[in-house]
Amino acid sequence: MLFPINPVLWANEVYRRDAERLLELVRTRDLGCMAIKAWTKGPWGDRAHTYATWYEPFEDAPTQADVTRFALSQSGVTGLCSAGDTRLLPNILDVAEQFTPMREFEQAAMVKQSAKYEPLFV
């Protein structure tokens, strides 16, 4: 399975509910899920594109680390696809290599904080 998982999307109750059901199905069928768009902050809109991605990624290393941990902490997620700009790759690899699961309260805080962004999908 391959679909978008990030805290900005999780802030949308409908998306989150559907995604969690899908992840439950993945676990029940003993499949895996590759998360995509983990670093997505939102659509570019009218802003200049500063990365070779069709969405605006989070740029700062601490937030990139948090969204990486968030995506990998979802039950059923077995991996993630890297962002579409190689400049983002070093931090993504560092965080993935040193991955520690995000606790529930950390995830909840991240989702609450991310509600201020415009989701890429929905």
PDB file of N, CA and C in Angstrom:
ATOM      1  N   MET A   1       0.852  -1.153   0.000  1.00  0.00           N
ATOM      2  CA  MET A   1       0.000   0.000   0.000  1.00  0.00           C
ATOM      3  C   MET A   1       0.905   1.226   0.000  1.00  0.00           C
ATOM      4  N   LEU A   2       0.469   2.260  -0.673  1.00  0.00           N
ATOM      5  CA  LEU A   2       1.239   3.488  -0.789  1.00  0.00           C
ATOM      6  C   LEU A   2       0.250   4.650  -0.735  1.00  0.00           C
ATOM      7  N   PHE A   3       0.361   5.507   0.284  1.00  0.00           N
ATOM      8  CA  PHE A   3      -0.505   6.682   0.337  1.00  0.00           C
ATOM      9  C   PHE A   3       0.082   7.736   1.276  1.00  0.00           C
ATOM     10  N   PRO A   4      -0.433   8.989   1.177  1.00  0.00           N
ATOM     11  CA  PRO A   4       0.112  10.105   1.960  1.00  0.00           C
ATOM     12  C   PRO A   4      -0.181   9.987   3.455  1.00  0.00           C
ATOM     13  N   ILE A   5       0.870  10.150   4.240  1.00  0.00           N
ATOM     14  CA  ILE A   5       0.741  10.166   5.700  1.00  0.00           C
ATOM     15  C   ILE A   5       1.599  11.305   6.216  1.00  0.00           C
ATOM     16  N   ASN A   6       0.939  12.276   6.822  1.00  0.00           N
ATOM     17  CA  ASN A   6       1.652  13.375   7.475  1.00  0.00           C
ATOM     18  C   ASN A   6       0.699  14.060   8.458  1.00  0.00           C
ATOM     19  N   PRO A   7       1.232  14.802   9.413  1.00  0.00           N
ATOM     20  CA  PRO A   7       0.378  15.408  10.434  1.00  0.00           C
ATOM     21  C   PRO A   7      -0.586  16.464   9.901  1.00  0.00           C
ATOM     22  N   VAL A   8      -0.248  17.102   8.793  1.00  0.00           N
ATOM     23  CA  VAL A   8      -1.160  18.095   8.217  1.00  0.00           C
ATOM     24  C   VAL A   8      -2.440  17.395   7.740  1.00  0.00           C
ATOM     25  N   LEU A   9      -2.282  16.266   7.075  1.00  0.00           N
ATOM     26  CA  LEU A   9      -3.454  15.499   6.638  1.00  0.00           C
ATOM     27  C   LEU A   9      -4.183  14.888   7.823  1.00  0.00           C
ATOM     28  N   TRP A  10      -3.457  14.455   8.833  1.00  0.00           N
ATOM     29  CA  TRP A  10      -4.068  13.840  10.025  1.00  0.00           C
ATOM     30  C   TRP A  10      -4.922  14.851  10.781  1.00  0.00           C
ATOM     31  N   ALA A  11      -4.675  16.143  10.589  1.00  0.00           N
ATOM     32  CA  ALA A  11      -5.480  17.180  11.240  1.00  0.00           C
ATOM     33  C   ALA A  11      -6.893  17.246  10.660  1.00  0.00           C
ATOM     34  N   ASN A  12      -7.085  16.657   9.470  1.00  0.00           N
ATOM     35  CA  ASN A  12      -8.413  16.574   8.865  1.00  0.00           C
ATOM     36  C   ASN A  12      -9.060  15.282   9.369  1.00  0.00           C
ATOM     37  N   GLU A  13     -10.124  15.401  10.162  1.00  0.00           N
ATOM     38  CA  GLU A  13     -10.734  14.237  10.801  1.00  0.00           C
ATOM     39  C   GLU A  13     -11.190  13.176   9.810  1.00  0.00           C
ATOM     40  N   VAL A  14     -11.753  13.588   8.686  1.00  0.00           N
ATOM     41  CA  VAL A  14     -12.245  12.627   7.695  1.00  0.00           C
ATOM     42  C   VAL A  14     -11.075  11.863   7.079  1.00  0.00           C
ATOM     43  N   TYR A  15     -10.040  12.583   6.671  1.00  0.00           N
ATOM     44  CA  TYR A  15      -8.867  11.918   6.086  1.00  0.00           C
ATOM     45  C   TYR A  15      -8.250  10.957   7.094  1.00  0.00           C
ATOM     46  N   ARG A  16      -8.086  11.437   8.318  1.00  0.00           N
ATOM     47  CA  ARG A  16      -7.456  10.598   9.342  1.00  0.00           C
ATOM     48  C   ARG A  16      -8.269   9.334   9.595  1.00  0.00           C
ATOM     49  N   ARG A  17      -9.571   9.480   9.722  1.00  0.00           N
ATOM     50  CA  ARG A  17     -10.423   8.311   9.966  1.00  0.00           C
ATOM     51  C   ARG A  17     -10.269   7.291   8.852  1.00  0.00           C
ATOM     52  N   ASP A  18     -10.337   7.761   7.606  1.00  0.00           N
ATOM     53  CA  ASP A  18     -10.207   6.851   6.462  1.00  0.00           C
ATOM     54  C   ASP A  18      -8.813   6.226   6.393  1.00  0.00           C
ATOM     55  N   ALA A  19      -7.783   7.018   6.668  1.00  0.00           N
ATOM     56  CA  ALA A  19      -6.408   6.515   6.632  1.00  0.00           C
ATOM     57  C   ALA A  19      -6.182   5.482   7.729  1.00  0.00           C
ATOM     58  N   GLU A  20      -6.711   5.723   8.903  1.00  0.00           N
ATOM     59  CA  GLU A  20      -6.550   4.756   9.990  1.00  0.00           C
ATOM     60  C   GLU A  20      -7.275   3.448   9.681  1.00  0.00           C
ATOM     61  N   ARG A  21      -8.435   3.543   9.028  1.00  0.00           N
ATOM     62  CA  ARG A  21      -9.134   2.313   8.608  1.00  0.00           C
ATOM     63  C   ARG A  21      -8.314   1.556   7.575  1.00  0.00           C
ATOM     64  N   LEU A  22      -7.724   2.290   6.655  1.00  0.00           N
ATOM     65  CA  LEU A  22      -6.886   1.657   5.636  1.00  0.00           C
ATOM     66  C   LEU A  22      -5.665   0.988   6.275  1.00  0.00           C
ATOM     67  N   LEU A  23      -5.042   1.656   7.224  1.00  0.00           N
ATOM     68  CA  LEU A  23      -3.896   1.069   7.918  1.00  0.00           C
ATOM     69  C   LEU A  23      -4.304  -0.174   8.708  1.00  0.00           C
ATOM     70  N   GLU A  24      -5.500  -0.166   9.274  1.00  0.00           N
ATOM     71  CA  GLU A  24      -5.994  -1.361   9.978  1.00  0.00           C
ATOM     72  C   GLU A  24      -6.148  -2.520   8.998  1.00  0.00           C
ATOM     73  N   LEU A  25      -6.664  -2.235   7.824  1.00  0.00           N
ATOM     74  CA  LEU A  25      -6.810  -3.263   6.787  1.00  0.00           C
ATOM     75  C   LEU A  25      -5.437  -3.800   6.369  1.00  0.00           C
ATOM     76  N   VAL A  26      -4.472  -2.912   6.248  1.00  0.00           N
ATOM     77  CA  VAL A  26      -3.101  -3.309   5.902  1.00  0.00           C
ATOM     78  C   VAL A  26      -2.562  -4.281   6.957  1.00  0.00           C
ATOM     79  N   ARG A  27      -2.762  -3.934   8.227  1.00  0.00           N
ATOM     80  CA  ARG A  27      -2.278  -4.805   9.308  1.00  0.00           C
ATOM     81  C   ARG A  27      -3.022  -6.141   9.313  1.00  0.00           C
ATOM     82  N   THR A  28      -4.333  -6.114   9.149  1.00  0.00           N
ATOM     83  CA  THR A  28      -5.149  -7.328   9.160  1.00  0.00           C
ATOM     84  C   THR A  28      -4.733  -8.291   8.061  1.00  0.00           C
ATOM     85  N   ARG A  29      -4.378  -7.752   6.922  1.00  0.00           N
ATOM     86  CA  ARG A  29      -3.995  -8.590   5.786  1.00  0.00           C
ATOM     87  C   ARG A  29      -2.487  -8.868   5.746  1.00  0.00           C
ATOM     88  N   ASP A  30      -1.797  -8.454   6.787  1.00  0.00           N
ATOM     89  CA  ASP A  30      -0.359  -8.672   6.903  1.00  0.00           C
ATOM     90  C   ASP A  30       0.406  -8.101   5.710  1.00  0.00           C
ATOM     91  N   LEU A  31       0.035  -6.883   5.351  1.00  0.00           N
ATOM     92  CA  LEU A  31       0.701  -6.153   4.276  1.00  0.00           C
ATOM     93  C   LEU A  31       1.569  -5.066   4.898  1.00  0.00           C
ATOM     94  N   GLY A  32       2.158  -4.260   4.079  1.00  0.00           N
ATOM     95  CA  GLY A  32       2.925  -3.125   4.553  1.00  0.00           C
ATOM     96  C   GLY A  32       2.444  -1.863   3.885  1.00  0.00           C
ATOM     97  N   CYS A  33       2.804  -0.743   4.447  1.00  0.00           N
ATOM     98  CA  CYS A  33       2.425   0.552   3.880  1.00  0.00           C
ATOM     99  C   CYS A  33       3.670   1.418   3.754  1.00  0.00           C
ATOM    100  N   MET A  34       3.853   1.977   2.577  1.00  0.00           N
ATOM    101  CA  MET A  34       4.900   2.969   2.347  1.00  0.00           C
ATOM    102  C   MET A  34       4.232   4.341   2.403  1.00  0.00           C
ATOM    103  N   ALA A  35       4.684   5.171   3.306  1.00  0.00           N
ATOM    104  CA  ALA A  35       4.144   6.517   3.422  1.00  0.00           C
ATOM    105  C   ALA A  35       4.773   7.409   2.352  1.00  0.00           C
ATOM    106  N   ILE A  36       3.941   8.218   1.725  1.00  0.00           N
ATOM    107  CA  ILE A  36       4.432   9.238   0.803  1.00  0.00           C
ATOM    108  C   ILE A  36       4.004  10.608   1.324  1.00  0.00           C
ATOM    109  N   LYS A  37       4.666  11.624   0.854  1.00  0.00           N
ATOM    110  CA  LYS A  37       4.365  13.019   1.190  1.00  0.00           C
ATOM    111  C   LYS A  37       4.489  13.322   2.683  1.00  0.00           C
ATOM    112  N   ALA A  38       5.384  12.617   3.373  1.00  0.00           N
ATOM    113  CA  ALA A  38       5.572  12.846   4.806  1.00  0.00           C
ATOM    114  C   ALA A  38       6.054  14.262   5.108  1.00  0.00           C
ATOM    115  N   TRP A  39       6.799  14.883   4.196  1.00  0.00           N
ATOM    116  CA  TRP A  39       7.397  16.197   4.444  1.00  0.00           C
ATOM    117  C   TRP A  39       6.568  17.339   3.886  1.00  0.00           C
ATOM    118  N   THR A  40       5.337  17.047   3.482  1.00  0.00           N
ATOM    119  CA  THR A  40       4.495  18.051   2.842  1.00  0.00           C
ATOM    120  C   THR A  40       3.925  19.052   3.836  1.00  0.00           C
ATOM    121  N   LYS A  41       4.253  20.298   3.604  1.00  0.00           N
ATOM    122  CA  LYS A  41       3.686  21.402   4.386  1.00  0.00           C
ATOM    123  C   LYS A  41       2.347  21.814   3.780  1.00  0.00           C
ATOM    124  N   GLY A  42       2.269  21.801   2.441  1.00  0.00           N
ATOM    125  CA  GLY A  42       1.035  22.166   1.758  1.00  0.00           C
ATOM    126  C   GLY A  42       1.291  22.486   0.304  1.00  0.00           C
ATOM    127  N   PRO A  43       0.252  22.930  -0.402  1.00  0.00           N
ATOM    128  CA  PRO A  43       0.445  23.304  -1.801  1.00  0.00           C
ATOM    129  C   PRO A  43       1.254  24.603  -1.904  1.00  0.00           C
ATOM    130  N   TRP A  44       1.962  24.751  -3.014  1.00  0.00           N
ATOM    131  CA  TRP A  44       2.761  25.968  -3.213  1.00  0.00           C
ATOM    132  C   TRP A  44       1.883  27.205  -3.325  1.00  0.00           C
ATOM    133  N   GLY A  45       0.728  27.063  -3.911  1.00  0.00           N
ATOM    134  CA  GLY A  45      -0.091  28.243  -4.157  1.00  0.00           C
ATOM    135  C   GLY A  45       0.634  29.174  -5.110  1.00  0.00           C
ATOM    136  N   ASP A  46       0.640  30.459  -4.803  1.00  0.00           N
ATOM    137  CA  ASP A  46       1.301  31.456  -5.657  1.00  0.00           C
ATOM    138  C   ASP A  46       2.761  31.691  -5.272  1.00  0.00           C
ATOM    139  N   ARG A  47       3.228  31.004  -4.249  1.00  0.00           N
ATOM    140  CA  ARG A  47       4.605  31.206  -3.802  1.00  0.00           C
ATOM    141  C   ARG A  47       5.590  30.604  -4.808  1.00  0.00           C
ATOM    142  N   ALA A  48       6.777  31.198  -4.876  1.00  0.00           N
ATOM    143  CA  ALA A  48       7.833  30.673  -5.750  1.00  0.00           C
ATOM    144  C   ALA A  48       8.267  29.301  -5.246  1.00  0.00           C
ATOM    145  N   HIS A  49       8.507  28.394  -6.170  1.00  0.00           N
ATOM    146  CA  HIS A  49       8.964  27.045  -5.817  1.00  0.00           C
ATOM    147  C   HIS A  49      10.459  27.091  -5.521  1.00  0.00           C
ATOM    148  N   THR A  50      10.818  26.758  -4.302  1.00  0.00           N
ATOM    149  CA  THR A  50      12.223  26.765  -3.907  1.00  0.00           C
ATOM    150  C   THR A  50      12.802  25.354  -3.854  1.00  0.00           C
ATOM    151  N   TYR A  51      11.966  24.356  -4.105  1.00  0.00           N
ATOM    152  CA  TYR A  51      12.402  22.953  -4.171  1.00  0.00           C
ATOM    153  C   TYR A  51      11.794  22.318  -5.414  1.00  0.00           C
ATOM    154  N   ALA A  52      12.391  21.247  -5.878  1.00  0.00           N
ATOM    155  CA  ALA A  52      11.902  20.527  -7.060  1.00  0.00           C
ATOM    156  C   ALA A  52      10.827  19.520  -6.653  1.00  0.00           C
ATOM    157  N   THR A  53       9.832  20.006  -5.942  1.00  0.00           N
ATOM    158  CA  THR A  53       8.700  19.196  -5.519  1.00  0.00           C
ATOM    159  C   THR A  53       7.433  19.903  -5.970  1.00  0.00           C
ATOM    160  N   TRP A  54       6.375  19.154  -6.199  1.00  0.00           N
ATOM    161  CA  TRP A  54       5.132  19.805  -6.626  1.00  0.00           C
ATOM    162  C   TRP A  54       4.305  20.275  -5.439  1.00  0.00           C
ATOM    163  N   TYR A  55       4.837  20.091  -4.237  1.00  0.00           N
ATOM    164  CA  TYR A  55       4.241  20.571  -2.996  1.00  0.00           C
ATOM    165  C   TYR A  55       5.333  21.313  -2.218  1.00  0.00           C
ATOM    166  N   GLU A  56       4.933  22.162  -1.282  1.00  0.00           N
ATOM    167  CA  GLU A  56       5.918  22.850  -0.450  1.00  0.00           C
ATOM    168  C   GLU A  56       6.302  21.942   0.717  1.00  0.00           C
ATOM    169  N   PRO A  57       7.581  21.585   0.828  1.00  0.00           N
ATOM    170  CA  PRO A  57       8.007  20.734   1.942  1.00  0.00           C
ATOM    171  C   PRO A  57       8.368  21.576   3.166  1.00  0.00           C
ATOM    172  N   PHE A  58       8.345  20.932   4.311  1.00  0.00           N
ATOM    173  CA  PHE A  58       8.904  21.577   5.496  1.00  0.00           C
ATOM    174  C   PHE A  58      10.411  21.688   5.259  1.00  0.00           C
ATOM    175  N   GLU A  59      10.984  22.850   5.562  1.00  0.00           N
ATOM    176  CA  GLU A  59      12.396  23.099   5.252  1.00  0.00           C
ATOM    177  C   GLU A  59      13.341  22.911   6.430  1.00  0.00           C
ATOM    178  N   ASP A  60      12.874  23.168   7.630  1.00  0.00           N
ATOM    179  CA  ASP A  60      13.801  23.126   8.760  1.00  0.00           C
ATOM    180  C   ASP A  60      13.998  21.696   9.260  1.00  0.00           C
ATOM    181  N   ALA A  61      15.225  21.390   9.635  1.00  0.00           N
ATOM    182  CA  ALA A  61      15.601  20.033  10.038  1.00  0.00           C
ATOM    183  C   ALA A  61      14.776  19.495  11.212  1.00  0.00           C
ATOM    184  N   PRO A  62      14.501  20.290  12.260  1.00  0.00           N
ATOM    185  CA  PRO A  62      13.711  19.731  13.364  1.00  0.00           C
ATOM    186  C   PRO A  62      12.294  19.315  12.936  1.00  0.00           C
ATOM    187  N   THR A  63      11.652  20.115  12.103  1.00  0.00           N
ATOM    188  CA  THR A  63      10.310  19.755  11.648  1.00  0.00           C
ATOM    189  C   THR A  63      10.373  18.555  10.712  1.00  0.00           C
ATOM    190  N   GLN A  64      11.378  18.512   9.843  1.00  0.00           N
ATOM    191  CA  GLN A  64      11.543  17.341   8.979  1.00  0.00           C
ATOM    192  C   GLN A  64      11.714  16.080   9.821  1.00  0.00           C
ATOM    193  N   ALA A  65      12.470  16.188  10.897  1.00  0.00           N
ATOM    194  CA  ALA A  65      12.659  15.037  11.783  1.00  0.00           C
ATOM    195  C   ALA A  65      11.327  14.630  12.417  1.00  0.00           C
ATOM    196  N   ASP A  66      10.571  15.604  12.867  1.00  0.00           N
ATOM    197  CA  ASP A  66       9.282  15.307  13.505  1.00  0.00           C
ATOM    198  C   ASP A  66       8.295  14.661  12.541  1.00  0.00           C
ATOM    199  N   VAL A  67       8.191  15.187  11.326  1.00  0.00           N
ATOM    200  CA  VAL A  67       7.215  14.604  10.388  1.00  0.00           C
ATOM    201  C   VAL A  67       7.660  13.221   9.913  1.00  0.00           C
ATOM    202  N   THR A  68       8.965  13.006   9.844  1.00  0.00           N
ATOM    203  CA  THR A  68       9.474  11.675   9.507  1.00  0.00           C
ATOM    204  C   THR A  68       9.103  10.692  10.603  1.00  0.00           C
ATOM    205  N   ARG A  69       9.376  11.065  11.837  1.00  0.00           N
ATOM    206  CA  ARG A  69       9.022  10.206  12.970  1.00  0.00           C
ATOM    207  C   ARG A  69       7.514   9.976  13.028  1.00  0.00           C
ATOM    208  N   PHE A  70       6.732  11.017  12.750  1.00  0.00           N
ATOM    209  CA  PHE A  70       5.273  10.880  12.768  1.00  0.00           C
ATOM    210  C   PHE A  70       4.827   9.813  11.772  1.00  0.00           C
ATOM    211  N   ALA A  71       5.279   9.922  10.538  1.00  0.00           N
ATOM    212  CA  ALA A  71       4.865   8.973   9.503  1.00  0.00           C
ATOM    213  C   ALA A  71       5.282   7.549   9.852  1.00  0.00           C
ATOM    214  N   LEU A  72       6.516   7.382  10.289  1.00  0.00           N
ATOM    215  CA  LEU A  72       7.010   6.048  10.609  1.00  0.00           C
ATOM    216  C   LEU A  72       6.387   5.471  11.883  1.00  0.00           C
ATOM    217  N   SER A  73       5.783   6.317  12.696  1.00  0.00           N
ATOM    218  CA  SER A  73       5.168   5.857  13.941  1.00  0.00           C
ATOM    219  C   SER A  73       3.743   5.347  13.763  1.00  0.00           C
ATOM    220  N   GLN A  74       3.170   5.524  12.587  1.00  0.00           N
ATOM    221  CA  GLN A  74       1.808   5.044  12.369  1.00  0.00           C
ATOM    222  C   GLN A  74       1.825   3.525  12.217  1.00  0.00           C
ATOM    223  N   SER A  75       0.965   2.870  12.957  1.00  0.00           N
ATOM    224  CA  SER A  75       0.917   1.414  12.947  1.00  0.00           C
ATOM    225  C   SER A  75       0.585   0.891  11.555  1.00  0.00           C
ATOM    226  N   GLY A  76       1.417   0.021  11.039  1.00  0.00           N
ATOM    227  CA  GLY A  76       1.245  -0.524   9.697  1.00  0.00           C
ATOM    228  C   GLY A  76       2.200   0.068   8.684  1.00  0.00           C
ATOM    229  N   VAL A  77       2.809   1.215   9.015  1.00  0.00           N
ATOM    230  CA  VAL A  77       3.771   1.838   8.103  1.00  0.00           C
ATOM    231  C   VAL A  77       5.093   1.094   8.225  1.00  0.00           C
ATOM    232  N   THR A  78       5.563   0.600   7.095  1.00  0.00           N
ATOM    233  CA  THR A  78       6.804  -0.179   7.081  1.00  0.00           C
ATOM    234  C   THR A  78       7.962   0.572   6.427  1.00  0.00           C
ATOM    235  N   GLY A  79       7.683   1.725   5.844  1.00  0.00           N
ATOM    236  CA  GLY A  79       8.727   2.515   5.211  1.00  0.00           C
ATOM    237  C   GLY A  79       8.152   3.793   4.645  1.00  0.00           C
ATOM    238  N   LEU A  80       9.009   4.593   4.057  1.00  0.00           N
ATOM    239  CA  LEU A  80       8.535   5.819   3.419  1.00  0.00           C
ATOM    240  C   LEU A  80       9.360   6.135   2.196  1.00  0.00           C
ATOM    241  N   CYS A  81       8.745   6.851   1.306  1.00  0.00           N
ATOM    242  CA  CYS A  81       9.408   7.290   0.078  1.00  0.00           C
ATOM    243  C   CYS A  81      10.012   8.666   0.343  1.00  0.00           C
ATOM    244  N   SER A  82      11.201   8.885  -0.175  1.00  0.00           N
ATOM    245  CA  SER A  82      11.870  10.157   0.068  1.00  0.00           C
ATOM    246  C   SER A  82      11.186  11.292  -0.686  1.00  0.00           C
ATOM    247  N   ALA A  83      11.498  12.492  -0.278  1.00  0.00           N
ATOM    248  CA  ALA A  83      10.966  13.676  -0.944  1.00  0.00           C
ATOM    249  C   ALA A  83      11.582  13.804  -2.337  1.00  0.00           C
ATOM    250  N   GLY A  84      10.935  14.556  -3.202  1.00  0.00           N
ATOM    251  CA  GLY A  84      11.357  14.670  -4.586  1.00  0.00           C
ATOM    252  C   GLY A  84      12.506  15.624  -4.856  1.00  0.00           C
ATOM    253  N   ASP A  85      13.155  16.135  -3.839  1.00  0.00           N
ATOM    254  CA  ASP A  85      14.295  17.039  -4.023  1.00  0.00           C
ATOM    255  C   ASP A  85      15.459  16.484  -3.218  1.00  0.00           C
ATOM    256  N   THR A  86      16.580  16.241  -3.875  1.00  0.00           N
ATOM    257  CA  THR A  86      17.714  15.591  -3.211  1.00  0.00           C
ATOM    258  C   THR A  86      18.311  16.427  -2.082  1.00  0.00           C
ATOM    259  N   ARG A  87      18.059  17.724  -2.065  1.00  0.00           N
ATOM    260  CA  ARG A  87      18.566  18.553  -0.964  1.00  0.00           C
ATOM    261  C   ARG A  87      17.913  18.174   0.367  1.00  0.00           C
ATOM    262  N   LEU A  88      16.736  17.576   0.312  1.00  0.00           N
ATOM    263  CA  LEU A  88      16.038  17.166   1.526  1.00  0.00           C
ATOM    264  C   LEU A  88      16.501  15.791   2.023  1.00  0.00           C
ATOM    265  N   LEU A  89      17.143  15.040   1.165  1.00  0.00           N
ATOM    266  CA  LEU A  89      17.495  13.657   1.456  1.00  0.00           C
ATOM    267  C   LEU A  89      18.448  13.451   2.638  1.00  0.00           C
ATOM    268  N   PRO A  90      19.521  14.233   2.801  1.00  0.00           N
ATOM    269  CA  PRO A  90      20.432  13.959   3.921  1.00  0.00           C
ATOM    270  C   PRO A  90      19.739  13.936   5.283  1.00  0.00           C
ATOM    271  N   ASN A  91      18.888  14.903   5.555  1.00  0.00           N
ATOM    272  CA  ASN A  91      18.209  14.932   6.850  1.00  0.00           C
ATOM    273  C   ASN A  91      17.210  13.784   6.965  1.00  0.00           C
ATOM    274  N   ILE A  92      16.523  13.478   5.887  1.00  0.00           N
ATOM    275  CA  ILE A  92      15.568  12.368   5.889  1.00  0.00           C
ATOM    276  C   ILE A  92      16.285  11.068   6.250  1.00  0.00           C
ATOM    277  N   LEU A  93      17.434  10.827   5.638  1.00  0.00           N
ATOM    278  CA  LEU A  93      18.194   9.604   5.910  1.00  0.00           C
ATOM    279  C   LEU A  93      18.715   9.567   7.342  1.00  0.00           C
ATOM    280  N   ASP A  94      19.194  10.714   7.841  1.00  0.00           N
ATOM    281  CA  ASP A  94      19.676  10.774   9.219  1.00  0.00           C
ATOM    282  C   ASP A  94      18.576  10.423  10.213  1.00  0.00           C
ATOM    283  N   VAL A  95      17.407  10.999  10.018  1.00  0.00           N
ATOM    284  CA  VAL A  95      16.291  10.755  10.936  1.00  0.00           C
ATOM    285  C   VAL A  95      15.837   9.304  10.842  1.00  0.00           C
ATOM    286  N   ALA A  96      15.707   8.791   9.627  1.00  0.00           N
ATOM    287  CA  ALA A  96      15.262   7.409   9.454  1.00  0.00           C
ATOM    288  C   ALA A  96      16.255   6.432  10.075  1.00  0.00           C
ATOM    289  N   GLU A  97      17.542   6.722   9.951  1.00  0.00           N
ATOM    290  CA  GLU A  97      18.572   5.845  10.503  1.00  0.00           C
ATOM    291  C   GLU A  97      18.536   5.810  12.027  1.00  0.00           C
ATOM    292  N   GLN A  98      18.169   6.922  12.646  1.00  0.00           N
ATOM    293  CA  GLN A  98      18.138   7.022  14.103  1.00  0.00           C
ATOM    294  C   GLN A  98      16.706   7.002  14.641  1.00  0.00           C
ATOM    295  N   PHE A  99      15.791   6.441  13.880  1.00  0.00           N
ATOM    296  CA  PHE A  99      14.362   6.474  14.199  1.00  0.00           C
ATOM    297  C   PHE A  99      14.031   5.934  15.585  1.00  0.00           C
ATOM    298  N   THR A 100      13.239   6.723  16.285  1.00  0.00           N
ATOM    299  CA  THR A 100      12.597   6.272  17.516  1.00  0.00           C
ATOM    300  C   THR A 100      11.123   6.619  17.376  1.00  0.00           C
ATOM    301  N   PRO A 101      10.225   5.694  17.712  1.00  0.00           N
ATOM    302  CA  PRO A 101       8.795   5.965  17.552  1.00  0.00           C
ATOM    303  C   PRO A 101       8.347   7.180  18.355  1.00  0.00           C
ATOM    304  N   MET A 102       7.412   7.894  17.783  1.00  0.00           N
ATOM    305  CA  MET A 102       6.830   9.058  18.435  1.00  0.00           C
ATOM    306  C   MET A 102       5.699   8.570  19.340  1.00  0.00           C
ATOM    307  N   ARG A 103       5.678   9.056  20.563  1.00  0.00           N
ATOM    308  CA  ARG A 103       4.628   8.660  21.496  1.00  0.00           C
ATOM    309  C   ARG A 103       3.307   9.314  21.115  1.00  0.00           C
ATOM    310  N   GLU A 104       2.218   8.733  21.597  1.00  0.00           N
ATOM    311  CA  GLU A 104       0.869   9.201  21.239  1.00  0.00           C
ATOM    312  C   GLU A 104       0.686  10.689  21.532  1.00  0.00           C
ATOM    313  N   PHE A 105       1.131  11.148  22.707  1.00  0.00           N
ATOM    314  CA  PHE A 105       0.924  12.552  23.044  1.00  0.00           C
ATOM    315  C   PHE A 105       1.749  13.469  22.138  1.00  0.00           C
ATOM    316  N   GLU A 106       2.910  12.990  21.677  1.00  0.00           N
ATOM    317  CA  GLU A 106       3.716  13.778  20.737  1.00  0.00           C
ATOM    318  C   GLU A 106       3.006  13.866  19.386  1.00  0.00           C
ATOM    319  N   GLN A 107       2.426  12.759  18.955  1.00  0.00           N
ATOM    320  CA  GLN A 107       1.684  12.752  17.700  1.00  0.00           C
ATOM    321  C   GLN A 107       0.488  13.690  17.773  1.00  0.00           C
ATOM    322  N   ALA A 108      -0.241  13.633  18.879  1.00  0.00           N
ATOM    323  CA  ALA A 108      -1.422  14.493  19.047  1.00  0.00           C
ATOM    324  C   ALA A 108      -1.026  15.966  19.009  1.00  0.00           C
ATOM    325  N   ALA A 109       0.073  16.304  19.669  1.00  0.00           N
ATOM    326  CA  ALA A 109       0.544  17.697  19.659  1.00  0.00           C
ATOM    327  C   ALA A 109       0.947  18.127  18.256  1.00  0.00           C
ATOM    328  N   MET A 110       1.582  17.233  17.527  1.00  0.00           N
ATOM    329  CA  MET A 110       2.004  17.547  16.165  1.00  0.00           C
ATOM    330  C   MET A 110       0.790  17.765  15.243  1.00  0.00           C
ATOM    331  N   VAL A 111      -0.217  16.928  15.388  1.00  0.00           N
ATOM    332  CA  VAL A 111      -1.432  17.077  14.583  1.00  0.00           C
ATOM    333  C   VAL A 111      -2.113  18.407  14.909  1.00  0.00           C
ATOM    334  N   LYS A 112      -2.223  18.719  16.187  1.00  0.00           N
ATOM    335  CA  LYS A 112      -2.849  19.983  16.605  1.00  0.00           C
ATOM    336  C   LYS A 112      -2.095  21.177  16.031  1.00  0.00           C
ATOM    337  N   GLN A 113      -0.793  21.140  16.118  1.00  0.00           N
ATOM    338  CA  GLN A 113       0.056  22.219  15.595  1.00  0.00           C
ATOM    339  C   GLN A 113      -0.046  22.325  14.072  1.00  0.00           C
ATOM    340  N   SER A 114      -0.250  21.217  13.389  1.00  0.00           N
ATOM    341  CA  SER A 114      -0.278  21.184  11.923  1.00  0.00           C
ATOM    342  C   SER A 114      -1.608  21.620  11.324  1.00  0.00           C
ATOM    343  N   ALA A 115      -2.623  21.762  12.151  1.00  0.00           N
ATOM    344  CA  ALA A 115      -3.944  22.160  11.656  1.00  0.00           C
ATOM    345  C   ALA A 115      -3.932  23.553  11.016  1.00  0.00           C
ATOM    346  N   LYS A 116      -2.907  24.338  11.277  1.00  0.00           N
ATOM    347  CA  LYS A 116      -2.823  25.690  10.724  1.00  0.00           C
ATOM    348  C   LYS A 116      -2.414  25.698   9.248  1.00  0.00           C
ATOM    349  N   TYR A 117      -1.915  24.559   8.738  1.00  0.00           N
ATOM    350  CA  TYR A 117      -1.475  24.487   7.346  1.00  0.00           C
ATOM    351  C   TYR A 117      -2.588  24.001   6.435  1.00  0.00           C
ATOM    352  N   GLU A 118      -2.500  24.396   5.176  1.00  0.00           N
ATOM    353  CA  GLU A 118      -3.450  23.939   4.174  1.00  0.00           C
ATOM    354  C   GLU A 118      -3.023  22.548   3.688  1.00  0.00           C
ATOM    355  N   PRO A 119      -3.902  21.565   3.796  1.00  0.00           N
ATOM    356  CA  PRO A 119      -3.516  20.226   3.356  1.00  0.00           C
ATOM    357  C   PRO A 119      -3.372  20.154   1.837  1.00  0.00           C
ATOM    358  N   LEU A 120      -2.477  19.295   1.398  1.00  0.00           N
ATOM    359  CA  LEU A 120      -2.243  19.104  -0.034  1.00  0.00           C
ATOM    360  C   LEU A 120      -3.417  18.391  -0.680  1.00  0.00           C
ATOM    361  N   PHE A 121      -3.994  17.443   0.037  1.00  0.00           N
ATOM    362  CA  PHE A 121      -5.133  16.671  -0.465  1.00  0.00           C
ATOM    363  C   PHE A 121      -6.311  16.863   0.473  1.00  0.00           C
ATOM    364  N   VAL A 122      -7.476  16.523   0.036  1.00  0.00           N
ATOM    365  CA  VAL A 122      -8.711  16.418   0.803  1.00  0.00           C
ATOM    366  C   VAL A 122      -9.849  17.001   0.020  1.00  0.00           C
TER     367      VAL A 122
END
